[in-house]
Amino acid sequence: MAFAEGPSIGAFLERATDGARVRRVLLDLLRQCAALDAAGVDKTEMHRCARHVVVAPDADAVTLLDFEWCADAPKPQNVTGAAQYLSQRWAAAQLARVGVAVDVDAVRAACKRYKADRADAAARAVEAALGLRPPED
């Protein structure tokens, strides 16, 4: 075990001023969530990221906390849970403030696609809908 230092993801978004850093941090979050999904591990708490994600103060990385409720699952929902958190009204407003435009309808559609097909392209579609990368053709 190690002490995870830094603000919660919610506090980070509230204080953020650099849209590029926000994108990098959130891409790291989604990458870790996708790795959990690929491993068949459902963290079950990603829709409440504010309590379970800490942002490193001096890096573009996050630390996931509180794994006691994790479970093996045939269809884990870590990416879709994080996307749900980031597309809620409060988080989307914080992201818009730093120039990250969340398309809520596109997030829902991309998450539905991701649930059906956990391919890299589906994960990138979620990232694009959250305004974290340009959409693919």
Protein backbone atom coordinates (compact mmCIF):
# COMPACT_ATOMS: atom_id res chain seq x y z
CA MET A 1 0.00 0.00 0.00
CA ALA A 2 1.07 3.54 -0.64
CA PHE A 3 -0.36 6.94 0.19
CA ALA A 4 -2.02 8.51 -2.86
CA GLU A 5 -1.36 12.23 -2.74
CA GLY A 6 -3.32 14.81 -4.69
CA PRO A 7 -6.79 16.24 -5.13
CA SER A 8 -9.84 14.14 -5.90
CA ILE A 9 -10.87 14.17 -9.53
CA GLY A 10 -13.74 16.50 -8.59
CA ALA A 11 -11.48 19.02 -6.89
CA PHE A 12 -9.06 18.77 -9.81
CA LEU A 13 -11.82 19.60 -12.29
CA GLU A 14 -13.07 22.50 -10.16
CA ARG A 15 -9.59 24.08 -10.03
CA ALA A 16 -8.43 23.19 -13.54
CA THR A 17 -7.23 25.96 -15.83
CA ASP A 18 -5.32 23.96 -18.45
CA GLY A 19 -7.58 22.10 -20.87
CA ALA A 20 -4.67 20.14 -22.34
CA ARG A 21 -3.71 18.79 -18.91
CA VAL A 22 -7.33 17.94 -18.16
CA ARG A 23 -7.46 15.92 -21.38
CA ARG A 24 -4.27 14.03 -20.51
CA VAL A 25 -5.45 13.26 -16.97
CA LEU A 26 -8.85 12.06 -18.13
CA LEU A 27 -7.33 9.96 -20.91
CA ASP A 28 -5.20 8.28 -18.24
CA LEU A 29 -8.34 7.63 -16.19
CA LEU A 30 -10.14 6.07 -19.15
CA ARG A 31 -7.04 4.04 -20.09
CA GLN A 32 -6.92 2.55 -16.60
CA CYS A 33 -10.65 1.85 -16.71
CA ALA A 34 -10.27 0.12 -20.09
CA ALA A 35 -7.44 -2.01 -18.66
CA LEU A 36 -9.72 -3.09 -15.80
CA ASP A 37 -12.48 -3.87 -18.31
CA ALA A 38 -10.07 -5.93 -20.42
CA ALA A 39 -9.03 -7.87 -17.32
CA GLY A 40 -12.67 -8.60 -16.48
CA VAL A 41 -12.59 -6.59 -13.25
CA ASP A 42 -15.54 -4.36 -12.39
CA LYS A 43 -14.60 -1.66 -9.87
CA THR A 44 -18.35 -0.90 -9.45
CA GLU A 45 -17.76 2.66 -8.25
CA MET A 46 -16.55 4.53 -11.35
CA HIS A 47 -19.83 6.41 -11.79
CA ARG A 48 -18.82 8.12 -8.49
CA CYS A 49 -15.26 8.99 -9.49
CA ALA A 50 -15.06 11.89 -7.05
CA ARG A 51 -14.64 9.42 -4.21
CA HIS A 52 -12.39 6.92 -5.95
CA VAL A 53 -9.92 8.82 -8.14
CA VAL A 54 -6.99 10.99 -7.04
CA VAL A 55 -5.01 13.14 -9.48
CA ALA A 56 -1.24 13.21 -9.07
CA PRO A 57 -0.17 16.77 -8.19
CA ASP A 58 2.90 16.74 -10.44
CA ALA A 59 1.95 14.35 -13.26
CA ASP A 60 -0.81 13.75 -15.78
CA ALA A 61 -1.89 10.58 -14.03
CA VAL A 62 -4.56 9.33 -11.68
CA THR A 63 -4.64 6.76 -8.91
CA LEU A 64 -7.72 4.62 -8.46
CA LEU A 65 -8.72 4.03 -4.83
CA ASP A 66 -10.91 1.65 -2.86
CA PHE A 67 -10.77 -1.69 -4.61
CA GLU A 68 -12.58 -3.60 -1.88
CA TRP A 69 -15.81 -3.79 -3.92
CA CYS A 70 -14.13 -5.04 -7.10
CA ALA A 71 -15.42 -8.23 -8.61
CA ASP A 72 -14.79 -10.44 -11.59
CA ALA A 73 -17.46 -9.66 -14.15
CA PRO A 74 -18.24 -10.86 -17.67
CA LYS A 75 -19.12 -7.30 -18.68
CA PRO A 76 -17.33 -4.80 -16.42
CA GLN A 77 -18.50 -1.18 -16.63
CA ASN A 78 -15.49 0.90 -15.65
CA VAL A 79 -15.19 2.98 -18.85
CA THR A 80 -18.92 3.54 -19.09
CA GLY A 81 -19.12 4.43 -15.38
CA ALA A 82 -16.33 7.00 -15.71
CA ALA A 83 -17.96 8.39 -18.86
CA GLN A 84 -21.26 8.68 -16.97
CA TYR A 85 -19.52 10.68 -14.24
CA LEU A 86 -17.75 12.96 -16.72
CA SER A 87 -20.89 13.63 -18.76
CA GLN A 88 -23.11 14.63 -15.84
CA ARG A 89 -24.07 18.31 -15.83
CA TRP A 90 -21.63 19.45 -13.13
CA ALA A 91 -18.58 17.72 -14.63
CA ALA A 92 -19.45 18.73 -18.19
CA ALA A 93 -19.68 22.37 -17.04
CA GLN A 94 -16.24 22.15 -15.43
CA LEU A 95 -14.83 20.63 -18.61
CA ALA A 96 -16.48 23.26 -20.82
CA ARG A 97 -14.90 25.98 -18.68
CA VAL A 98 -11.44 24.80 -19.78
CA GLY A 99 -12.42 24.20 -23.40
CA VAL A 100 -13.33 20.51 -23.30
CA ALA A 101 -16.72 20.07 -24.96
CA VAL A 102 -18.73 17.03 -23.83
CA ASP A 103 -21.46 15.84 -26.21
CA VAL A 104 -23.79 14.00 -23.82
CA ASP A 105 -25.83 12.31 -26.57
CA ALA A 106 -22.64 11.16 -28.29
CA VAL A 107 -21.28 9.88 -24.95
CA ARG A 108 -24.42 7.77 -24.48
CA ALA A 109 -24.17 6.37 -28.01
CA ALA A 110 -20.44 5.69 -27.68
CA CYS A 111 -20.95 3.95 -24.33
CA LYS A 112 -23.65 1.76 -25.86
CA ARG A 113 -21.23 0.83 -28.64
CA TYR A 114 -18.46 0.19 -26.11
CA LYS A 115 -20.72 -2.10 -24.06
CA ALA A 116 -21.42 -4.17 -27.17
CA ASP A 117 -17.85 -4.18 -28.49
CA ARG A 118 -14.94 -3.34 -26.20
CA ALA A 119 -12.59 -2.79 -29.14
CA ASP A 120 -10.08 0.06 -29.08
CA ALA A 121 -12.14 1.98 -31.65
CA ALA A 122 -15.16 1.90 -29.33
CA ALA A 123 -13.06 3.21 -26.41
CA ARG A 124 -11.69 5.99 -28.62
CA ALA A 125 -15.27 6.92 -29.57
CA VAL A 126 -16.07 7.38 -25.87
CA GLU A 127 -12.96 9.57 -25.49
CA ALA A 128 -13.96 11.64 -28.54
CA ALA A 129 -17.53 12.11 -27.30
CA LEU A 130 -16.09 13.39 -24.01
CA GLY A 131 -14.05 15.95 -25.97
CA LEU A 132 -10.74 14.34 -25.06
CA ARG A 133 -9.58 13.56 -28.62
CA PRO A 134 -10.69 14.35 -32.15
CA PRO A 135 -13.40 12.05 -33.54
CA GLU A 136 -12.28 9.32 -35.91
CA ASP A 137 -13.78 8.91 -39.35
